[in-house]
Amino acid sequence: LEDFLGGFKELGVTICGLLDHVELHLMLDDWSKGLRKQLDERNLTYYRSGIGGLEDLYRDMDAVARPAGMRVLKGLEFNNTEATPDETLGLPDFLCFCFGDVSSRPGATYGERAADQIRRVGRKMRPSGKAGIINHPFRHRQWVYGELCKRHEEPPVEQFISADDVRRMADAAGEFDLALEVNQGDLLGASHSDCTQVC
């Protein structure tokens, strides 16, 4: 962590948010279990399962020497509003929700369905009193659009995310004081590591 933060300091970064997926600690889904299995196969260490593992992670974050003038915030990203215990949301400084595709609602546009999910996340986050971010809310639809373009199929972008959809999602986020993350790289077809993240 010291090397990591030192590298950011060299780039002129003065505030940094470090976060992990709660699923990796609470083993809530097949994705997290599969990743733990890969770590075991490669003899790589990881934090213990459960809320205790998160507490260990945050204790390590607090203990690391900060470069002068840098503020470090502890975060948490979660995928599942129902399965994530409320007490885990009280541990970090800020919360993120990993936004995938949205639930179905017959006859509803993508934006209407996405707004429903944003409100559901907002209701989950609000009792914690923590700042909240909806991570990459447009990414899934942009990936679908990109794949169609690769096949030389070019439907109108409104079929995926219209201006009205974006407005609905922003309004829903505003109701709960949530930020919407925009990954510029997702829009441009870059890899995740090349993304410019703007909240």
N, C-alpha and C. Protein backbone atom coordinates (compact mmCIF):
# COMPACT_ATOMS: atom_id res chain seq x y z
N LEU A 1 0.83 -1.21 0.00
CA LEU A 1 0.00 0.00 0.00
C LEU A 1 0.86 1.26 0.00
N GLU A 2 1.98 1.24 0.72
CA GLU A 2 2.85 2.42 0.74
C GLU A 2 3.38 2.72 -0.66
N ASP A 3 3.81 1.68 -1.38
CA ASP A 3 4.30 1.88 -2.76
C ASP A 3 3.18 2.39 -3.65
N PHE A 4 2.00 1.83 -3.47
CA PHE A 4 0.83 2.20 -4.27
C PHE A 4 0.51 3.67 -4.09
N LEU A 5 0.42 4.11 -2.83
CA LEU A 5 0.10 5.50 -2.54
C LEU A 5 1.24 6.43 -2.96
N GLY A 6 2.48 5.94 -2.81
CA GLY A 6 3.62 6.74 -3.23
C GLY A 6 3.60 7.01 -4.73
N GLY A 7 3.16 6.00 -5.51
CA GLY A 7 3.05 6.19 -6.95
C GLY A 7 2.00 7.23 -7.30
N PHE A 8 0.89 7.21 -6.57
CA PHE A 8 -0.14 8.23 -6.80
C PHE A 8 0.37 9.62 -6.45
N LYS A 9 1.15 9.70 -5.36
CA LYS A 9 1.69 10.99 -4.93
C LYS A 9 2.55 11.59 -6.03
N GLU A 10 3.34 10.74 -6.70
CA GLU A 10 4.20 11.21 -7.79
C GLU A 10 3.39 11.76 -8.95
N LEU A 11 2.15 11.28 -9.09
CA LEU A 11 1.27 11.77 -10.16
C LEU A 11 0.49 13.01 -9.74
N GLY A 12 0.70 13.45 -8.50
CA GLY A 12 0.02 14.65 -8.03
C GLY A 12 -1.33 14.41 -7.40
N VAL A 13 -1.67 13.14 -7.12
CA VAL A 13 -2.95 12.82 -6.51
C VAL A 13 -2.94 13.22 -5.03
N THR A 14 -3.97 13.92 -4.58
CA THR A 14 -4.03 14.36 -3.18
C THR A 14 -5.13 13.66 -2.39
N ILE A 15 -6.05 12.99 -3.07
CA ILE A 15 -7.09 12.22 -2.37
C ILE A 15 -7.29 10.91 -3.13
N CYS A 16 -7.37 9.82 -2.39
CA CYS A 16 -7.42 8.49 -3.00
C CYS A 16 -8.45 7.65 -2.26
N GLY A 17 -9.30 6.96 -3.01
CA GLY A 17 -10.25 6.03 -2.42
C GLY A 17 -9.85 4.60 -2.75
N LEU A 18 -9.63 3.78 -1.73
CA LEU A 18 -9.28 2.38 -1.91
C LEU A 18 -10.48 1.52 -1.53
N LEU A 19 -10.82 0.56 -2.38
CA LEU A 19 -12.00 -0.23 -2.06
C LEU A 19 -11.86 -1.67 -2.52
N ASP A 20 -12.71 -2.51 -1.98
CA ASP A 20 -12.75 -3.92 -2.33
C ASP A 20 -14.22 -4.31 -2.48
N HIS A 21 -14.45 -5.46 -3.10
CA HIS A 21 -15.82 -5.99 -3.22
C HIS A 21 -16.18 -6.73 -1.94
N VAL A 22 -17.33 -6.41 -1.38
CA VAL A 22 -17.77 -7.13 -0.18
C VAL A 22 -17.95 -8.61 -0.48
N GLU A 23 -18.28 -8.95 -1.73
CA GLU A 23 -18.48 -10.36 -2.09
C GLU A 23 -17.23 -11.20 -1.84
N LEU A 24 -16.05 -10.59 -2.00
CA LEU A 24 -14.81 -11.34 -1.79
C LEU A 24 -14.64 -11.73 -0.33
N HIS A 25 -15.23 -10.97 0.57
CA HIS A 25 -15.10 -11.24 2.00
C HIS A 25 -16.26 -12.07 2.53
N LEU A 26 -17.45 -11.81 2.04
CA LEU A 26 -18.63 -12.51 2.56
C LEU A 26 -19.01 -13.72 1.71
N MET A 27 -18.30 -13.93 0.58
CA MET A 27 -18.54 -15.09 -0.28
C MET A 27 -20.00 -15.19 -0.69
N LEU A 28 -20.52 -14.11 -1.26
CA LEU A 28 -21.96 -14.04 -1.54
C LEU A 28 -22.36 -14.63 -2.89
N ASP A 29 -21.41 -14.87 -3.77
CA ASP A 29 -21.80 -15.35 -5.11
C ASP A 29 -20.72 -16.23 -5.70
N ASP A 30 -21.05 -16.83 -6.86
CA ASP A 30 -20.11 -17.74 -7.52
C ASP A 30 -18.86 -17.02 -8.00
N TRP A 31 -19.01 -15.74 -8.37
CA TRP A 31 -17.85 -14.97 -8.84
C TRP A 31 -16.79 -14.89 -7.75
N SER A 32 -17.21 -14.56 -6.52
CA SER A 32 -16.24 -14.42 -5.43
C SER A 32 -15.64 -15.77 -5.06
N LYS A 33 -16.46 -16.81 -5.06
CA LYS A 33 -15.95 -18.14 -4.73
C LYS A 33 -14.95 -18.60 -5.79
N GLY A 34 -15.24 -18.30 -7.05
CA GLY A 34 -14.33 -18.67 -8.13
C GLY A 34 -13.00 -17.95 -8.03
N LEU A 35 -13.04 -16.67 -7.64
CA LEU A 35 -11.81 -15.90 -7.51
C LEU A 35 -10.98 -16.43 -6.34
N ARG A 36 -11.64 -16.75 -5.24
CA ARG A 36 -10.91 -17.33 -4.10
C ARG A 36 -10.22 -18.64 -4.51
N LYS A 37 -10.92 -19.42 -5.33
CA LYS A 37 -10.33 -20.70 -5.78
C LYS A 37 -9.08 -20.43 -6.62
N GLN A 38 -9.14 -19.43 -7.49
CA GLN A 38 -7.97 -19.08 -8.31
C GLN A 38 -6.81 -18.62 -7.43
N LEU A 39 -7.10 -17.84 -6.41
CA LEU A 39 -6.04 -17.38 -5.50
C LEU A 39 -5.39 -18.56 -4.79
N ASP A 40 -6.22 -19.53 -4.38
CA ASP A 40 -5.68 -20.72 -3.72
C ASP A 40 -4.77 -21.49 -4.67
N GLU A 41 -5.22 -21.64 -5.93
CA GLU A 41 -4.45 -22.40 -6.92
C GLU A 41 -3.11 -21.73 -7.20
N ARG A 42 -3.05 -20.41 -7.08
CA ARG A 42 -1.81 -19.67 -7.34
C ARG A 42 -1.02 -19.36 -6.07
N ASN A 43 -1.49 -19.93 -4.94
CA ASN A 43 -0.83 -19.73 -3.65
C ASN A 43 -0.69 -18.25 -3.30
N LEU A 44 -1.71 -17.47 -3.62
CA LEU A 44 -1.74 -16.05 -3.27
C LEU A 44 -2.57 -15.86 -2.00
N THR A 45 -2.14 -14.95 -1.16
CA THR A 45 -2.84 -14.72 0.10
C THR A 45 -4.00 -13.75 -0.09
N TYR A 46 -4.96 -13.82 0.81
CA TYR A 46 -6.09 -12.90 0.78
C TYR A 46 -6.64 -12.79 2.20
N TYR A 47 -7.49 -11.80 2.39
CA TYR A 47 -8.07 -11.58 3.71
C TYR A 47 -9.08 -12.68 4.02
N ARG A 48 -9.22 -12.97 5.31
CA ARG A 48 -10.14 -14.02 5.74
C ARG A 48 -11.57 -13.67 5.35
N SER A 49 -12.41 -14.67 5.29
CA SER A 49 -13.82 -14.47 4.94
C SER A 49 -14.56 -13.81 6.10
N GLY A 50 -15.65 -13.15 5.75
CA GLY A 50 -16.50 -12.55 6.77
C GLY A 50 -16.18 -11.08 7.00
N ILE A 51 -17.01 -10.46 7.85
CA ILE A 51 -16.83 -9.05 8.16
C ILE A 51 -15.46 -8.81 8.82
N GLY A 52 -14.95 -9.81 9.54
CA GLY A 52 -13.64 -9.69 10.16
C GLY A 52 -12.55 -9.43 9.13
N GLY A 53 -12.68 -10.03 7.94
CA GLY A 53 -11.71 -9.79 6.89
C GLY A 53 -11.73 -8.35 6.41
N LEU A 54 -12.94 -7.79 6.30
CA LEU A 54 -13.05 -6.38 5.93
C LEU A 54 -12.43 -5.49 7.00
N GLU A 55 -12.68 -5.82 8.26
CA GLU A 55 -12.11 -5.04 9.35
C GLU A 55 -10.58 -5.10 9.31
N ASP A 56 -10.02 -6.28 8.98
CA ASP A 56 -8.57 -6.41 8.85
C ASP A 56 -8.05 -5.53 7.72
N LEU A 57 -8.76 -5.55 6.59
CA LEU A 57 -8.36 -4.74 5.44
C LEU A 57 -8.33 -3.26 5.80
N TYR A 58 -9.38 -2.78 6.45
CA TYR A 58 -9.45 -1.37 6.80
C TYR A 58 -8.41 -1.00 7.86
N ARG A 59 -8.10 -1.94 8.76
CA ARG A 59 -7.08 -1.69 9.77
C ARG A 59 -5.72 -1.52 9.07
N ASP A 60 -5.45 -2.35 8.05
CA ASP A 60 -4.20 -2.21 7.30
C ASP A 60 -4.16 -0.88 6.55
N MET A 61 -5.29 -0.48 5.99
CA MET A 61 -5.35 0.81 5.29
C MET A 61 -5.06 1.96 6.25
N ASP A 62 -5.62 1.88 7.44
CA ASP A 62 -5.41 2.95 8.43
C ASP A 62 -3.96 2.99 8.90
N ALA A 63 -3.30 1.83 8.93
CA ALA A 63 -1.95 1.75 9.50
C ALA A 63 -0.87 2.20 8.52
N VAL A 64 -1.15 2.17 7.24
CA VAL A 64 -0.11 2.48 6.26
C VAL A 64 0.25 3.96 6.31
N ALA A 65 1.53 4.25 6.12
CA ALA A 65 2.00 5.64 6.12
C ALA A 65 1.47 6.37 4.88
N ARG A 66 0.86 7.52 5.12
CA ARG A 66 0.34 8.32 4.01
C ARG A 66 1.41 9.32 3.55
N PRO A 67 1.53 9.51 2.24
CA PRO A 67 2.39 10.60 1.78
C PRO A 67 1.86 11.93 2.30
N ALA A 68 2.73 12.86 2.57
CA ALA A 68 2.32 14.16 3.10
C ALA A 68 1.32 14.82 2.16
N GLY A 69 0.22 15.29 2.74
CA GLY A 69 -0.78 16.00 1.96
C GLY A 69 -1.78 15.12 1.25
N MET A 70 -1.72 13.80 1.43
CA MET A 70 -2.67 12.90 0.77
C MET A 70 -3.71 12.40 1.76
N ARG A 71 -4.96 12.44 1.36
CA ARG A 71 -6.05 11.89 2.16
C ARG A 71 -6.47 10.56 1.53
N VAL A 72 -6.62 9.53 2.35
CA VAL A 72 -6.99 8.20 1.88
C VAL A 72 -8.32 7.80 2.49
N LEU A 73 -9.27 7.44 1.65
CA LEU A 73 -10.60 7.02 2.09
C LEU A 73 -10.78 5.52 1.85
N LYS A 74 -11.46 4.87 2.78
CA LYS A 74 -11.74 3.44 2.66
C LYS A 74 -13.13 3.26 2.03
N GLY A 75 -13.20 2.41 1.00
CA GLY A 75 -14.47 2.20 0.32
C GLY A 75 -14.91 0.75 0.31
N LEU A 76 -16.10 0.53 -0.20
CA LEU A 76 -16.65 -0.82 -0.34
C LEU A 76 -17.57 -0.84 -1.55
N GLU A 77 -17.42 -1.87 -2.37
CA GLU A 77 -18.31 -2.05 -3.52
C GLU A 77 -19.12 -3.32 -3.32
N PHE A 78 -20.42 -3.24 -3.59
CA PHE A 78 -21.26 -4.43 -3.45
C PHE A 78 -22.13 -4.60 -4.68
N ASN A 79 -22.54 -5.84 -4.92
CA ASN A 79 -23.32 -6.19 -6.11
C ASN A 79 -24.78 -6.46 -5.80
N ASN A 80 -25.07 -6.86 -4.59
CA ASN A 80 -26.38 -7.42 -4.29
C ASN A 80 -27.01 -6.66 -3.12
N THR A 81 -28.10 -5.96 -3.40
CA THR A 81 -28.72 -5.15 -2.34
C THR A 81 -29.36 -6.03 -1.27
N GLU A 82 -29.88 -7.19 -1.65
CA GLU A 82 -30.57 -8.04 -0.68
C GLU A 82 -29.60 -8.82 0.20
N ALA A 83 -28.51 -9.33 -0.39
CA ALA A 83 -27.62 -10.23 0.34
C ALA A 83 -26.57 -9.51 1.18
N THR A 84 -26.27 -8.26 0.88
CA THR A 84 -25.22 -7.55 1.60
C THR A 84 -25.75 -7.06 2.95
N PRO A 85 -25.17 -7.51 4.06
CA PRO A 85 -25.66 -7.09 5.38
C PRO A 85 -25.47 -5.59 5.60
N ASP A 86 -26.45 -4.96 6.22
CA ASP A 86 -26.37 -3.52 6.45
C ASP A 86 -25.16 -3.13 7.29
N GLU A 87 -24.75 -4.00 8.23
CA GLU A 87 -23.63 -3.63 9.10
C GLU A 87 -22.32 -3.47 8.33
N THR A 88 -22.18 -4.18 7.19
CA THR A 88 -20.94 -4.00 6.41
C THR A 88 -20.89 -2.62 5.77
N LEU A 89 -22.05 -2.03 5.49
CA LEU A 89 -22.08 -0.73 4.84
C LEU A 89 -21.68 0.39 5.80
N GLY A 90 -21.66 0.11 7.09
CA GLY A 90 -21.25 1.11 8.06
C GLY A 90 -19.76 1.16 8.29
N LEU A 91 -18.99 0.21 7.73
CA LEU A 91 -17.56 0.14 8.00
C LEU A 91 -16.70 1.13 7.21
N PRO A 92 -16.95 1.32 5.90
CA PRO A 92 -16.06 2.18 5.11
C PRO A 92 -16.45 3.65 5.18
N ASP A 93 -15.66 4.48 4.49
CA ASP A 93 -15.95 5.92 4.39
C ASP A 93 -16.94 6.22 3.27
N PHE A 94 -16.94 5.39 2.22
CA PHE A 94 -17.85 5.60 1.10
C PHE A 94 -18.25 4.26 0.51
N LEU A 95 -19.36 4.26 -0.23
CA LEU A 95 -19.93 3.04 -0.78
C LEU A 95 -20.07 3.15 -2.30
N CYS A 96 -19.89 2.02 -2.95
CA CYS A 96 -20.12 1.93 -4.40
C CYS A 96 -21.01 0.73 -4.68
N PHE A 97 -21.85 0.88 -5.69
CA PHE A 97 -22.66 -0.25 -6.13
C PHE A 97 -22.21 -0.64 -7.53
N CYS A 98 -21.88 -1.92 -7.71
CA CYS A 98 -21.43 -2.45 -8.99
C CYS A 98 -22.64 -2.68 -9.89
N PHE A 99 -22.85 -1.79 -10.84
CA PHE A 99 -24.06 -1.76 -11.66
C PHE A 99 -23.89 -2.66 -12.88
N GLY A 100 -24.66 -3.73 -12.94
CA GLY A 100 -24.65 -4.60 -14.11
C GLY A 100 -25.88 -4.32 -14.95
N ASP A 101 -26.41 -5.35 -15.59
CA ASP A 101 -27.66 -5.16 -16.32
C ASP A 101 -28.78 -5.05 -15.29
N VAL A 102 -29.91 -4.52 -15.72
CA VAL A 102 -30.96 -4.20 -14.77
C VAL A 102 -32.09 -5.22 -14.82
N SER A 103 -32.91 -5.21 -13.80
CA SER A 103 -34.01 -6.15 -13.72
C SER A 103 -35.05 -5.86 -14.80
N SER A 104 -35.82 -6.85 -15.13
CA SER A 104 -36.80 -6.70 -16.21
C SER A 104 -38.08 -6.05 -15.69
N ARG A 105 -38.68 -5.26 -16.53
CA ARG A 105 -39.99 -4.70 -16.26
C ARG A 105 -40.67 -4.56 -17.62
N PRO A 106 -41.67 -5.39 -17.92
CA PRO A 106 -42.27 -5.41 -19.26
C PRO A 106 -42.68 -4.02 -19.72
N GLY A 107 -42.27 -3.66 -20.93
CA GLY A 107 -42.66 -2.39 -21.53
C GLY A 107 -41.85 -1.20 -21.09
N ALA A 108 -40.93 -1.38 -20.12
CA ALA A 108 -40.14 -0.26 -19.62
C ALA A 108 -38.87 -0.10 -20.45
N THR A 109 -38.41 1.14 -20.60
CA THR A 109 -37.16 1.39 -21.29
C THR A 109 -35.99 1.01 -20.38
N TYR A 110 -34.81 0.97 -20.95
CA TYR A 110 -33.62 0.68 -20.15
C TYR A 110 -33.49 1.71 -19.03
N GLY A 111 -33.68 2.98 -19.35
CA GLY A 111 -33.54 4.02 -18.34
C GLY A 111 -34.54 3.89 -17.21
N GLU A 112 -35.76 3.50 -17.52
CA GLU A 112 -36.78 3.32 -16.47
C GLU A 112 -36.38 2.17 -15.56
N ARG A 113 -35.90 1.08 -16.15
CA ARG A 113 -35.48 -0.07 -15.33
C ARG A 113 -34.23 0.27 -14.52
N ALA A 114 -33.30 1.00 -15.15
CA ALA A 114 -32.08 1.39 -14.44
C ALA A 114 -32.40 2.34 -13.29
N ALA A 115 -33.34 3.26 -13.51
CA ALA A 115 -33.74 4.19 -12.45
C ALA A 115 -34.34 3.43 -11.28
N ASP A 116 -35.13 2.39 -11.57
CA ASP A 116 -35.69 1.56 -10.49
C ASP A 116 -34.56 0.98 -9.64
N GLN A 117 -33.53 0.47 -10.32
CA GLN A 117 -32.43 -0.16 -9.59
C GLN A 117 -31.64 0.87 -8.80
N ILE A 118 -31.42 2.05 -9.37
CA ILE A 118 -30.69 3.10 -8.65
C ILE A 118 -31.44 3.48 -7.38
N ARG A 119 -32.76 3.59 -7.46
CA ARG A 119 -33.54 3.90 -6.25
C ARG A 119 -33.45 2.79 -5.22
N ARG A 120 -33.45 1.54 -5.68
CA ARG A 120 -33.31 0.40 -4.76
C ARG A 120 -31.96 0.47 -4.04
N VAL A 121 -30.91 0.80 -4.78
CA VAL A 121 -29.59 0.94 -4.18
C VAL A 121 -29.57 2.12 -3.20
N GLY A 122 -30.21 3.23 -3.59
CA GLY A 122 -30.26 4.40 -2.72
C GLY A 122 -30.93 4.10 -1.40
N ARG A 123 -32.00 3.33 -1.45
CA ARG A 123 -32.70 2.96 -0.20
C ARG A 123 -31.81 2.07 0.67
N LYS A 124 -30.97 1.26 0.03
CA LYS A 124 -30.05 0.39 0.79
C LYS A 124 -28.95 1.21 1.44
N MET A 125 -28.40 2.19 0.69
CA MET A 125 -27.27 2.96 1.18
C MET A 125 -27.65 4.03 2.21
N ARG A 126 -28.84 4.61 2.06
CA ARG A 126 -29.20 5.80 2.85
C ARG A 126 -29.03 5.63 4.35
N PRO A 127 -29.46 4.50 4.97
CA PRO A 127 -29.32 4.40 6.43
C PRO A 127 -27.87 4.46 6.92
N SER A 128 -26.91 4.13 6.06
CA SER A 128 -25.51 4.15 6.47
C SER A 128 -24.99 5.58 6.63
N GLY A 129 -25.61 6.53 5.94
CA GLY A 129 -25.15 7.91 5.99
C GLY A 129 -23.87 8.15 5.22
N LYS A 130 -23.42 7.17 4.44
CA LYS A 130 -22.16 7.29 3.70
C LYS A 130 -22.40 7.83 2.29
N ALA A 131 -21.36 8.49 1.76
CA ALA A 131 -21.42 8.93 0.36
C ALA A 131 -21.52 7.70 -0.54
N GLY A 132 -22.30 7.81 -1.61
CA GLY A 132 -22.53 6.66 -2.47
C GLY A 132 -22.30 6.96 -3.94
N ILE A 133 -21.77 5.97 -4.64
CA ILE A 133 -21.50 6.08 -6.07
C ILE A 133 -22.10 4.88 -6.78
N ILE A 134 -22.79 5.12 -7.89
CA ILE A 134 -23.25 4.04 -8.77
C ILE A 134 -22.15 3.83 -9.80
N ASN A 135 -21.46 2.70 -9.71
CA ASN A 135 -20.33 2.45 -10.61
C ASN A 135 -20.80 2.01 -11.99
N HIS A 136 -20.15 2.56 -13.01
CA HIS A 136 -20.36 2.24 -14.44
C HIS A 136 -21.81 1.87 -14.79
N PRO A 137 -22.77 2.78 -14.59
CA PRO A 137 -24.17 2.45 -14.87
C PRO A 137 -24.49 2.31 -16.35
N PHE A 138 -23.60 2.76 -17.24
CA PHE A 138 -23.86 2.69 -18.67
C PHE A 138 -23.04 1.60 -19.36
N ARG A 139 -22.14 0.98 -18.61
CA ARG A 139 -21.14 0.12 -19.24
C ARG A 139 -21.76 -1.07 -19.97
N HIS A 140 -22.70 -1.75 -19.33
CA HIS A 140 -23.25 -2.96 -19.94
C HIS A 140 -23.88 -2.65 -21.29
N ARG A 141 -24.64 -1.57 -21.36
CA ARG A 141 -25.31 -1.22 -22.61
C ARG A 141 -24.30 -0.80 -23.67
N GLN A 142 -23.23 -0.13 -23.26
CA GLN A 142 -22.22 0.28 -24.23
C GLN A 142 -21.48 -0.94 -24.77
N TRP A 143 -21.24 -1.94 -23.93
CA TRP A 143 -20.60 -3.16 -24.41
C TRP A 143 -21.46 -3.84 -25.47
N VAL A 144 -22.77 -3.92 -25.21
CA VAL A 144 -23.68 -4.54 -26.18
C VAL A 144 -23.63 -3.77 -27.49
N TYR A 145 -23.67 -2.45 -27.39
CA TYR A 145 -23.64 -1.61 -28.59
C TYR A 145 -22.33 -1.81 -29.34
N GLY A 146 -21.22 -1.89 -28.61
CA GLY A 146 -19.92 -2.10 -29.23
C GLY A 146 -19.83 -3.42 -29.97
N GLU A 147 -20.40 -4.47 -29.37
CA GLU A 147 -20.38 -5.78 -30.02
C GLU A 147 -21.17 -5.76 -31.33
N LEU A 148 -22.31 -5.08 -31.33
CA LEU A 148 -23.09 -4.97 -32.57
C LEU A 148 -22.31 -4.21 -33.63
N CYS A 149 -21.63 -3.16 -33.23
CA CYS A 149 -20.85 -2.38 -34.19
C CYS A 149 -19.72 -3.22 -34.79
N LYS A 150 -19.11 -4.09 -33.97
CA LYS A 150 -18.05 -4.96 -34.48
C LYS A 150 -18.59 -5.89 -35.57
N ARG A 151 -19.88 -6.22 -35.46
CA ARG A 151 -20.50 -7.07 -36.47
C ARG A 151 -21.10 -6.24 -37.61
N HIS A 152 -20.73 -4.97 -37.63
CA HIS A 152 -21.21 -4.03 -38.67
C HIS A 152 -22.72 -3.85 -38.63
N GLU A 153 -23.28 -4.00 -37.43
CA GLU A 153 -24.69 -3.69 -37.21
C GLU A 153 -24.73 -2.38 -36.43
N GLU A 154 -25.40 -1.38 -36.94
CA GLU A 154 -25.36 -0.07 -36.31
C GLU A 154 -26.77 0.45 -36.01
N PRO A 155 -27.42 -0.12 -35.00
CA PRO A 155 -28.74 0.40 -34.61
C PRO A 155 -28.58 1.76 -33.94
N PRO A 156 -29.63 2.57 -33.91
CA PRO A 156 -29.53 3.88 -33.27
C PRO A 156 -29.21 3.73 -31.79
N VAL A 157 -28.34 4.61 -31.28
CA VAL A 157 -27.92 4.51 -29.88
C VAL A 157 -29.11 4.64 -28.95
N GLU A 158 -30.18 5.33 -29.39
CA GLU A 158 -31.36 5.48 -28.54
C GLU A 158 -31.95 4.14 -28.14
N GLN A 159 -31.69 3.10 -28.96
CA GLN A 159 -32.19 1.78 -28.63
C GLN A 159 -31.51 1.25 -27.36
N PHE A 160 -30.36 1.80 -27.03
CA PHE A 160 -29.60 1.32 -25.88
C PHE A 160 -29.69 2.29 -24.72
N ILE A 161 -29.28 3.53 -24.92
CA ILE A 161 -29.39 4.55 -23.87
C ILE A 161 -29.76 5.86 -24.54
N SER A 162 -30.97 6.31 -24.34
CA SER A 162 -31.41 7.57 -24.92
C SER A 162 -31.15 8.72 -23.94
N ALA A 163 -31.30 9.94 -24.43
CA ALA A 163 -31.16 11.11 -23.56
C ALA A 163 -32.17 11.05 -22.43
N ASP A 164 -33.38 10.58 -22.73
CA ASP A 164 -34.39 10.44 -21.68
C ASP A 164 -33.97 9.42 -20.63
N ASP A 165 -33.33 8.32 -21.08
CA ASP A 165 -32.85 7.31 -20.15
C ASP A 165 -31.83 7.91 -19.19
N VAL A 166 -30.89 8.66 -19.74
CA VAL A 166 -29.84 9.26 -18.90
C VAL A 166 -30.47 10.21 -17.90
N ARG A 167 -31.45 10.98 -18.34
CA ARG A 167 -32.13 11.92 -17.45
C ARG A 167 -32.83 11.18 -16.31
N ARG A 168 -33.52 10.10 -16.65
CA ARG A 168 -34.22 9.30 -15.62
C ARG A 168 -33.22 8.76 -14.59
N MET A 169 -32.08 8.26 -15.06
CA MET A 169 -31.08 7.70 -14.16
C MET A 169 -30.48 8.79 -13.29
N ALA A 170 -30.20 9.94 -13.87
CA ALA A 170 -29.64 11.05 -13.09
C ALA A 170 -30.63 11.56 -12.05
N ASP A 171 -31.91 11.63 -12.43
CA ASP A 171 -32.94 12.08 -11.48
C ASP A 171 -33.04 11.11 -10.30
N ALA A 172 -33.01 9.80 -10.61
CA ALA A 172 -33.09 8.80 -9.54
C ALA A 172 -31.89 8.91 -8.61
N ALA A 173 -30.69 9.08 -9.18
CA ALA A 173 -29.49 9.22 -8.36
C ALA A 173 -29.58 10.49 -7.50
N GLY A 174 -30.12 11.56 -8.07
CA GLY A 174 -30.24 12.82 -7.34
C GLY A 174 -31.16 12.72 -6.14
N GLU A 175 -32.17 11.87 -6.23
CA GLU A 175 -33.10 11.70 -5.10
C GLU A 175 -32.37 11.18 -3.86
N PHE A 176 -31.28 10.45 -4.07
CA PHE A 176 -30.55 9.84 -2.95
C PHE A 176 -29.13 10.39 -2.82
N ASP A 177 -28.85 11.51 -3.49
CA ASP A 177 -27.52 12.13 -3.45
C ASP A 177 -26.43 11.15 -3.85
N LEU A 178 -26.69 10.33 -4.87
CA LEU A 178 -25.70 9.38 -5.36
C LEU A 178 -24.99 9.97 -6.58
N ALA A 179 -23.71 9.69 -6.70
CA ALA A 179 -22.96 10.07 -7.89
C ALA A 179 -23.07 8.95 -8.92
N LEU A 180 -23.07 9.30 -10.19
CA LEU A 180 -23.02 8.33 -11.28
C LEU A 180 -21.62 8.37 -11.87
N GLU A 181 -20.95 7.23 -11.86
CA GLU A 181 -19.61 7.15 -12.44
C GLU A 181 -19.73 6.99 -13.95
N VAL A 182 -18.93 7.72 -14.68
CA VAL A 182 -18.86 7.59 -16.13
C VAL A 182 -17.46 7.13 -16.49
N ASN A 183 -17.34 5.96 -17.10
CA ASN A 183 -16.05 5.46 -17.57
C ASN A 183 -15.89 5.86 -19.02
N GLN A 184 -15.05 6.84 -19.27
CA GLN A 184 -14.86 7.31 -20.64
C GLN A 184 -14.36 6.17 -21.53
N GLY A 185 -13.52 5.30 -20.96
CA GLY A 185 -12.99 4.20 -21.76
C GLY A 185 -14.08 3.27 -22.25
N ASP A 186 -15.15 3.09 -21.44
CA ASP A 186 -16.26 2.25 -21.89
C ASP A 186 -16.91 2.83 -23.13
N LEU A 187 -17.02 4.16 -23.16
CA LEU A 187 -17.65 4.81 -24.30
C LEU A 187 -16.77 4.73 -25.53
N LEU A 188 -15.44 4.72 -25.32
CA LEU A 188 -14.51 4.75 -26.44
C LEU A 188 -14.02 3.36 -26.82
N GLY A 189 -14.44 2.35 -26.08
CA GLY A 189 -14.03 0.99 -26.39
C GLY A 189 -12.67 0.62 -25.83
N ALA A 190 -12.16 1.40 -24.88
CA ALA A 190 -10.86 1.10 -24.28
C ALA A 190 -11.01 0.03 -23.21
N SER A 191 -9.88 -0.53 -22.80
CA SER A 191 -9.92 -1.50 -21.72
C SER A 191 -10.17 -0.77 -20.41
N HIS A 192 -10.57 -1.54 -19.36
CA HIS A 192 -10.88 -0.93 -18.07
C HIS A 192 -9.69 -0.16 -17.52
N SER A 193 -8.47 -0.69 -17.75
CA SER A 193 -7.29 -0.03 -17.19
C SER A 193 -7.02 1.31 -17.87
N ASP A 194 -7.59 1.52 -19.06
CA ASP A 194 -7.37 2.78 -19.77
C ASP A 194 -8.46 3.79 -19.48
N CYS A 195 -9.43 3.43 -18.64
CA CYS A 195 -10.59 4.29 -18.43
C CYS A 195 -10.25 5.55 -17.64
N THR A 196 -10.87 6.63 -18.02
CA THR A 196 -10.86 7.83 -17.21
C THR A 196 -12.16 7.84 -16.44
N GLN A 197 -12.08 7.84 -15.12
CA GLN A 197 -13.29 7.74 -14.30
C GLN A 197 -13.69 9.12 -13.80
N VAL A 198 -14.92 9.47 -14.04
CA VAL A 198 -15.44 10.76 -13.63
C VAL A 198 -16.74 10.55 -12.88
N CYS A 199 -16.83 11.08 -11.67
CA CYS A 199 -18.08 10.99 -10.91
C CYS A 199 -18.76 12.34 -10.94
